[in-house]
Amino acid sequence: MEADLTSLQSLIPTKGEAKLLELLSYEESTEGWEDLGIDDEVESSRLYMPTGYYLIRGVGDIDQSAADIHALILDLDRKQEWDQMYVEGRVVANLTPAARILYQHFSAPWPVSHRDFAFLSYSKHLEDGSIISAGFSVETPLVPEVSGLVRGEMHMAGFILRQVAPKLTRMTYLVHIDPKGSIPTMVINQTQKKQTQNVSKIRNYLAQH
């Protein structure tokens, strides 16, 4: 186990930093993006990727500090309260104060099998006060596959929190995954549009709590 944790920790300064830069590169890019409209004050768009799947982007303002939003996202005990697709999850290992290995299980519309992911999540506070966090799949014996679930691949998922005022943050949410298995295109498209609404779900949850 110790050797595996050391191997995972070695990904932080290499792949972890690269994923943060990749997120930032897509924050305001425009070339090739398809506009999916505005719903509940969240601007949604998608970009077709060489993997054959879309990179999804949702952008919206939240009347909370970046630190408070970040704390909510990190809190797995509260995730089911704002993400209805989230079934369960756990922190598998804390690699550093800013990086951890996570396991998360998500529901899917019938008759599609549920998906789960094992991934490294890495957060960083930027000099301008912004907070950026990126996740990407890892293979580790610490998270064996679960019977009845399809293990998806997270190419990149995360968020950028730009605090534009003491209690106002612009959140950009980005996700690029391969759900694996056989899923109808219609179901994938429906799920993608819903994913961008995590911005409004977080906004609404924090407004009520």
C-alpha atoms as a PDB file:
ATOM      1  CA  MET A   1       0.000   0.000   0.000  1.00  0.00           C
ATOM      2  CA  GLU A   2       2.782   2.440   0.893  1.00  0.00           C
ATOM      3  CA  ALA A   3       4.464   1.890  -2.483  1.00  0.00           C
ATOM      4  CA  ASP A   4       1.184   2.551  -4.284  1.00  0.00           C
ATOM      5  CA  LEU A   5       0.637   5.795  -2.358  1.00  0.00           C
ATOM      6  CA  THR A   6       4.152   6.923  -3.250  1.00  0.00           C
ATOM      7  CA  SER A   7       3.441   6.215  -6.915  1.00  0.00           C
ATOM      8  CA  LEU A   8       0.194   8.195  -6.734  1.00  0.00           C
ATOM      9  CA  GLN A   9       1.921  11.099  -4.990  1.00  0.00           C
ATOM     10  CA  SER A  10       4.422  11.275  -7.858  1.00  0.00           C
ATOM     11  CA  LEU A  11       1.528  12.184 -10.178  1.00  0.00           C
ATOM     12  CA  ILE A  12       0.843  15.473  -8.371  1.00  0.00           C
ATOM     13  CA  PRO A  13       3.745  17.617  -9.687  1.00  0.00           C
ATOM     14  CA  THR A  14       3.458  16.108 -13.156  1.00  0.00           C
ATOM     15  CA  LYS A  15      -0.008  15.084 -14.274  1.00  0.00           C
ATOM     16  CA  GLY A  16      -1.749  17.029 -11.507  1.00  0.00           C
ATOM     17  CA  GLU A  17      -0.138  20.335 -12.485  1.00  0.00           C
ATOM     18  CA  ALA A  18      -0.743  19.582 -16.169  1.00  0.00           C
ATOM     19  CA  LYS A  19      -4.458  19.054 -15.552  1.00  0.00           C
ATOM     20  CA  LEU A  20      -4.704  22.375 -13.706  1.00  0.00           C
ATOM     21  CA  LEU A  21      -3.133  24.150 -16.685  1.00  0.00           C
ATOM     22  CA  GLU A  22      -5.474  22.283 -19.031  1.00  0.00           C
ATOM     23  CA  LEU A  23      -8.495  23.462 -17.056  1.00  0.00           C
ATOM     24  CA  LEU A  24      -7.286  27.052 -17.208  1.00  0.00           C
ATOM     25  CA  SER A  25      -6.746  26.808 -20.968  1.00  0.00           C
ATOM     26  CA  TYR A  26     -10.425  25.949 -21.461  1.00  0.00           C
ATOM     27  CA  GLU A  27     -11.810  28.552 -19.043  1.00  0.00           C
ATOM     28  CA  GLU A  28     -12.475  31.251 -21.645  1.00  0.00           C
ATOM     29  CA  SER A  29     -11.570  29.554 -24.937  1.00  0.00           C
ATOM     30  CA  THR A  30     -14.095  29.978 -27.746  1.00  0.00           C
ATOM     31  CA  GLU A  31     -12.843  28.110 -30.823  1.00  0.00           C
ATOM     32  CA  GLY A  32     -14.866  24.993 -31.588  1.00  0.00           C
ATOM     33  CA  TRP A  33     -17.291  25.376 -28.691  1.00  0.00           C
ATOM     34  CA  GLU A  34     -21.010  24.679 -29.219  1.00  0.00           C
ATOM     35  CA  ASP A  35     -23.397  26.918 -27.283  1.00  0.00           C
ATOM     36  CA  LEU A  36     -25.937  24.917 -25.262  1.00  0.00           C
ATOM     37  CA  GLY A  37     -27.812  27.962 -24.000  1.00  0.00           C
ATOM     38  CA  ILE A  38     -28.438  29.534 -20.604  1.00  0.00           C
ATOM     39  CA  ASP A  39     -30.476  27.779 -17.939  1.00  0.00           C
ATOM     40  CA  ASP A  40     -30.908  29.050 -14.370  1.00  0.00           C
ATOM     41  CA  GLU A  41     -28.239  31.693 -15.034  1.00  0.00           C
ATOM     42  CA  VAL A  42     -25.654  29.091 -16.062  1.00  0.00           C
ATOM     43  CA  GLU A  43     -24.017  29.397 -19.490  1.00  0.00           C
ATOM     44  CA  SER A  44     -23.514  25.907 -20.940  1.00  0.00           C
ATOM     45  CA  SER A  45     -21.326  24.841 -23.850  1.00  0.00           C
ATOM     46  CA  ARG A  46     -19.456  21.810 -25.101  1.00  0.00           C
ATOM     47  CA  LEU A  47     -16.365  21.032 -27.166  1.00  0.00           C
ATOM     48  CA  TYR A  48     -15.896  17.814 -29.121  1.00  0.00           C
ATOM     49  CA  MET A  49     -12.662  16.113 -28.095  1.00  0.00           C
ATOM     50  CA  PRO A  50     -10.370  13.616 -29.874  1.00  0.00           C
ATOM     51  CA  THR A  51     -11.553  10.949 -27.395  1.00  0.00           C
ATOM     52  CA  GLY A  52     -14.953  10.964 -29.131  1.00  0.00           C
ATOM     53  CA  TYR A  53     -16.651  12.577 -26.145  1.00  0.00           C
ATOM     54  CA  TYR A  54     -17.426  16.182 -25.316  1.00  0.00           C
ATOM     55  CA  LEU A  55     -15.758  18.481 -22.837  1.00  0.00           C
ATOM     56  CA  ILE A  56     -18.646  20.171 -21.006  1.00  0.00           C
ATOM     57  CA  ARG A  57     -18.453  23.685 -19.540  1.00  0.00           C
ATOM     58  CA  GLY A  58     -20.846  25.490 -17.226  1.00  0.00           C
ATOM     59  CA  VAL A  59     -20.256  29.077 -16.070  1.00  0.00           C
ATOM     60  CA  GLY A  60     -22.248  31.021 -13.510  1.00  0.00           C
ATOM     61  CA  ASP A  61     -22.009  33.456 -10.592  1.00  0.00           C
ATOM     62  CA  ILE A  62     -22.542  32.413  -6.978  1.00  0.00           C
ATOM     63  CA  ASP A  63     -23.124  34.858  -4.123  1.00  0.00           C
ATOM     64  CA  GLN A  64     -20.575  33.202  -1.860  1.00  0.00           C
ATOM     65  CA  SER A  65     -16.839  33.353  -1.301  1.00  0.00           C
ATOM     66  CA  ALA A  66     -14.575  31.036  -3.258  1.00  0.00           C
ATOM     67  CA  ALA A  67     -13.460  29.447   0.023  1.00  0.00           C
ATOM     68  CA  ASP A  68     -17.035  28.574   1.053  1.00  0.00           C
ATOM     69  CA  ILE A  69     -17.803  27.060  -2.364  1.00  0.00           C
ATOM     70  CA  HIS A  70     -14.576  25.078  -2.298  1.00  0.00           C
ATOM     71  CA  ALA A  71     -15.353  23.744   1.174  1.00  0.00           C
ATOM     72  CA  LEU A  72     -18.744  22.500   0.020  1.00  0.00           C
ATOM     73  CA  ILE A  73     -17.325  20.746  -3.032  1.00  0.00           C
ATOM     74  CA  LEU A  74     -14.720  18.986  -0.893  1.00  0.00           C
ATOM     75  CA  ASP A  75     -17.323  17.800   1.628  1.00  0.00           C
ATOM     76  CA  LEU A  76     -18.511  14.388   0.413  1.00  0.00           C
ATOM     77  CA  ASP A  77     -20.975  14.122   3.307  1.00  0.00           C
ATOM     78  CA  ARG A  78     -22.980  16.975   1.780  1.00  0.00           C
ATOM     79  CA  LYS A  79     -22.563  16.133  -1.910  1.00  0.00           C
ATOM     80  CA  GLN A  80     -25.768  14.109  -2.198  1.00  0.00           C
ATOM     81  CA  GLU A  81     -27.710  17.170  -1.007  1.00  0.00           C
ATOM     82  CA  TRP A  82     -26.840  19.172  -4.138  1.00  0.00           C
ATOM     83  CA  ASP A  83     -25.921  16.462  -6.701  1.00  0.00           C
ATOM     84  CA  GLN A  84     -28.865  14.106  -7.165  1.00  0.00           C
ATOM     85  CA  MET A  85     -26.820  11.730  -9.363  1.00  0.00           C
ATOM     86  CA  TYR A  86     -24.300  11.137  -6.573  1.00  0.00           C
ATOM     87  CA  VAL A  87     -24.976   7.889  -4.729  1.00  0.00           C
ATOM     88  CA  GLU A  88     -21.977   7.473  -2.453  1.00  0.00           C
ATOM     89  CA  GLY A  89     -18.282   8.140  -2.177  1.00  0.00           C
ATOM     90  CA  ARG A  90     -15.315   8.210   0.112  1.00  0.00           C
ATOM     91  CA  VAL A  91     -11.822   9.563   0.558  1.00  0.00           C
ATOM     92  CA  VAL A  92      -9.574   6.599  -0.184  1.00  0.00           C
ATOM     93  CA  ALA A  93      -6.335   8.320   0.793  1.00  0.00           C
ATOM     94  CA  ASN A  94      -5.041  11.795   1.569  1.00  0.00           C
ATOM     95  CA  LEU A  95      -1.837  12.245  -0.433  1.00  0.00           C
ATOM     96  CA  THR A  96      -1.078  15.840   0.610  1.00  0.00           C
ATOM     97  CA  PRO A  97      -3.180  18.623   2.166  1.00  0.00           C
ATOM     98  CA  ALA A  98      -4.197  19.568  -1.404  1.00  0.00           C
ATOM     99  CA  ALA A  99      -4.479  16.143  -3.050  1.00  0.00           C
ATOM    100  CA  ARG A 100      -6.460  13.004  -2.329  1.00  0.00           C
ATOM    101  CA  ILE A 101      -7.665   9.815  -3.959  1.00  0.00           C
ATOM    102  CA  LEU A 102     -11.454   9.640  -4.180  1.00  0.00           C
ATOM    103  CA  TYR A 103     -14.034   7.008  -5.029  1.00  0.00           C
ATOM    104  CA  GLN A 104     -17.469   8.157  -6.231  1.00  0.00           C
ATOM    105  CA  HIS A 105     -20.536   6.260  -7.437  1.00  0.00           C
ATOM    106  CA  PHE A 106     -23.203   7.939  -9.606  1.00  0.00           C
ATOM    107  CA  SER A 107     -26.653   6.892 -10.751  1.00  0.00           C
ATOM    108  CA  ALA A 108     -27.737   6.823 -14.403  1.00  0.00           C
ATOM    109  CA  PRO A 109     -31.127   6.905 -16.160  1.00  0.00           C
ATOM    110  CA  TRP A 110     -32.727   3.490 -16.580  1.00  0.00           C
ATOM    111  CA  PRO A 111     -31.751   1.150 -18.217  1.00  0.00           C
ATOM    112  CA  VAL A 112     -28.145   2.392 -18.067  1.00  0.00           C
ATOM    113  CA  SER A 113     -25.913   0.867 -15.393  1.00  0.00           C
ATOM    114  CA  HIS A 114     -24.571   3.076 -12.637  1.00  0.00           C
ATOM    115  CA  ARG A 115     -21.041   4.440 -13.067  1.00  0.00           C
ATOM    116  CA  ASP A 116     -18.226   4.837 -10.610  1.00  0.00           C
ATOM    117  CA  PHE A 117     -14.849   6.549 -10.717  1.00  0.00           C
ATOM    118  CA  ALA A 118     -11.530   6.281  -8.916  1.00  0.00           C
ATOM    119  CA  PHE A 119      -9.600   9.498  -9.308  1.00  0.00           C
ATOM    120  CA  LEU A 120      -6.997  11.862  -7.964  1.00  0.00           C
ATOM    121  CA  SER A 121      -8.333  15.277  -6.950  1.00  0.00           C
ATOM    122  CA  TYR A 122      -5.852  18.139  -6.697  1.00  0.00           C
ATOM    123  CA  SER A 123      -6.608  21.722  -5.626  1.00  0.00           C
ATOM    124  CA  LYS A 124      -4.500  24.849  -5.774  1.00  0.00           C
ATOM    125  CA  HIS A 125      -4.878  28.455  -4.616  1.00  0.00           C
ATOM    126  CA  LEU A 126      -3.643  30.880  -7.267  1.00  0.00           C
ATOM    127  CA  GLU A 127      -1.890  34.184  -6.606  1.00  0.00           C
ATOM    128  CA  ASP A 128      -4.973  36.210  -7.588  1.00  0.00           C
ATOM    129  CA  GLY A 129      -7.071  34.470  -4.926  1.00  0.00           C
ATOM    130  CA  SER A 130      -8.724  32.050  -7.293  1.00  0.00           C
ATOM    131  CA  ILE A 131      -9.075  28.371  -6.433  1.00  0.00           C
ATOM    132  CA  ILE A 132      -8.720  25.687  -9.077  1.00  0.00           C
ATOM    133  CA  SER A 133      -9.273  21.971  -8.647  1.00  0.00           C
ATOM    134  CA  ALA A 134      -8.771  19.161 -11.148  1.00  0.00           C
ATOM    135  CA  GLY A 135      -9.543  15.454 -11.070  1.00  0.00           C
ATOM    136  CA  PHE A 136      -8.375  12.612 -13.296  1.00  0.00           C
ATOM    137  CA  SER A 137      -8.765   8.843 -13.185  1.00  0.00           C
ATOM    138  CA  VAL A 138      -6.131   6.626 -11.603  1.00  0.00           C
ATOM    139  CA  GLU A 139      -5.789   2.878 -11.460  1.00  0.00           C
ATOM    140  CA  THR A 140      -4.972   1.597  -8.000  1.00  0.00           C
ATOM    141  CA  PRO A 141      -5.572  -1.609  -6.030  1.00  0.00           C
ATOM    142  CA  LEU A 142      -6.881   0.663  -3.299  1.00  0.00           C
ATOM    143  CA  VAL A 143     -10.079   1.034  -5.370  1.00  0.00           C
ATOM    144  CA  PRO A 144     -11.020  -2.309  -6.952  1.00  0.00           C
ATOM    145  CA  GLU A 145     -13.870  -2.426  -9.457  1.00  0.00           C
ATOM    146  CA  VAL A 146     -17.333  -3.050  -8.006  1.00  0.00           C
ATOM    147  CA  SER A 147     -19.626  -5.776  -9.344  1.00  0.00           C
ATOM    148  CA  GLY A 148     -22.678  -4.324 -11.088  1.00  0.00           C
ATOM    149  CA  LEU A 149     -21.082  -0.923 -11.717  1.00  0.00           C
ATOM    150  CA  VAL A 150     -19.244   0.307 -14.805  1.00  0.00           C
ATOM    151  CA  ARG A 151     -15.919   2.002 -14.024  1.00  0.00           C
ATOM    152  CA  GLY A 152     -15.826   5.203 -16.050  1.00  0.00           C
ATOM    153  CA  GLU A 153     -12.734   7.142 -17.053  1.00  0.00           C
ATOM    154  CA  MET A 154     -12.322  10.753 -15.997  1.00  0.00           C
ATOM    155  CA  HIS A 155     -10.033  12.414 -18.517  1.00  0.00           C
ATOM    156  CA  MET A 156     -10.444  15.701 -16.681  1.00  0.00           C
ATOM    157  CA  ALA A 157     -13.009  17.246 -14.383  1.00  0.00           C
ATOM    158  CA  GLY A 158     -12.873  20.221 -12.099  1.00  0.00           C
ATOM    159  CA  PHE A 159     -13.681  23.833 -11.462  1.00  0.00           C
ATOM    160  CA  ILE A 160     -12.210  27.303 -11.361  1.00  0.00           C
ATOM    161  CA  LEU A 161     -13.446  29.716  -8.700  1.00  0.00           C
ATOM    162  CA  ARG A 162     -12.761  33.380  -9.493  1.00  0.00           C
ATOM    163  CA  GLN A 163     -13.718  35.589  -6.559  1.00  0.00           C
ATOM    164  CA  VAL A 164     -14.791  38.887  -8.103  1.00  0.00           C
ATOM    165  CA  ALA A 165     -16.060  40.422  -4.845  1.00  0.00           C
ATOM    166  CA  PRO A 166     -15.992  39.384  -1.150  1.00  0.00           C
ATOM    167  CA  LYS A 167     -19.252  37.469  -1.570  1.00  0.00           C
ATOM    168  CA  LEU A 168     -19.363  36.910  -5.318  1.00  0.00           C
ATOM    169  CA  THR A 169     -17.567  34.150  -7.203  1.00  0.00           C
ATOM    170  CA  ARG A 170     -17.634  33.209 -10.869  1.00  0.00           C
ATOM    171  CA  MET A 171     -17.545  29.443 -11.102  1.00  0.00           C
ATOM    172  CA  THR A 172     -16.439  27.587 -14.226  1.00  0.00           C
ATOM    173  CA  TYR A 173     -17.181  23.870 -14.115  1.00  0.00           C
ATOM    174  CA  LEU A 174     -15.520  21.582 -16.674  1.00  0.00           C
ATOM    175  CA  VAL A 175     -15.867  17.839 -17.173  1.00  0.00           C
ATOM    176  CA  HIS A 176     -14.561  15.440 -19.823  1.00  0.00           C
ATOM    177  CA  ILE A 177     -15.277  11.776 -19.138  1.00  0.00           C
ATOM    178  CA  ASP A 178     -15.626   8.497 -20.988  1.00  0.00           C
ATOM    179  CA  PRO A 179     -18.590   6.727 -19.360  1.00  0.00           C
ATOM    180  CA  LYS A 180     -17.456   3.399 -20.831  1.00  0.00           C
ATOM    181  CA  GLY A 181     -19.894   0.627 -21.639  1.00  0.00           C
ATOM    182  CA  SER A 182     -22.789   1.002 -24.067  1.00  0.00           C
ATOM    183  CA  ILE A 183     -24.879   4.136 -23.603  1.00  0.00           C
ATOM    184  CA  PRO A 184     -27.337   5.594 -26.150  1.00  0.00           C
ATOM    185  CA  THR A 185     -26.214   8.956 -27.539  1.00  0.00           C
ATOM    186  CA  MET A 186     -29.489  10.543 -26.430  1.00  0.00           C
ATOM    187  CA  VAL A 187     -28.821   9.592 -22.807  1.00  0.00           C
ATOM    188  CA  ILE A 188     -25.268  10.967 -22.988  1.00  0.00           C
ATOM    189  CA  ASN A 189     -26.520  14.285 -24.401  1.00  0.00           C
ATOM    190  CA  GLN A 190     -29.208  14.604 -21.711  1.00  0.00           C
ATOM    191  CA  THR A 191     -26.731  13.884 -18.939  1.00  0.00           C
ATOM    192  CA  GLN A 192     -24.179  16.345 -20.304  1.00  0.00           C
ATOM    193  CA  LYS A 193     -26.604  19.260 -20.193  1.00  0.00           C
ATOM    194  CA  LYS A 194     -27.595  18.354 -16.643  1.00  0.00           C
ATOM    195  CA  GLN A 195     -23.973  18.258 -15.515  1.00  0.00           C
ATOM    196  CA  THR A 196     -23.456  21.960 -16.160  1.00  0.00           C
ATOM    197  CA  GLN A 197     -26.275  22.663 -13.716  1.00  0.00           C
ATOM    198  CA  ASN A 198     -24.000  21.623 -10.865  1.00  0.00           C
ATOM    199  CA  VAL A 199     -23.132  25.327 -10.804  1.00  0.00           C
ATOM    200  CA  SER A 200     -26.728  26.349 -10.084  1.00  0.00           C
ATOM    201  CA  LYS A 201     -27.220  23.410  -7.697  1.00  0.00           C
ATOM    202  CA  ILE A 202     -24.263  24.566  -5.625  1.00  0.00           C
ATOM    203  CA  ARG A 203     -25.558  28.143  -5.756  1.00  0.00           C
ATOM    204  CA  ASN A 204     -29.024  27.138  -4.613  1.00  0.00           C
ATOM    205  CA  TYR A 205     -27.729  24.862  -1.864  1.00  0.00           C
ATOM    206  CA  LEU A 206     -25.483  27.537  -0.374  1.00  0.00           C
ATOM    207  CA  ALA A 207     -28.292  30.119  -0.560  1.00  0.00           C
ATOM    208  CA  GLN A 208     -30.491  27.830   1.552  1.00  0.00           C
ATOM    209  CA  HIS A 209     -27.799  26.837   4.032  1.00  0.00           C
END
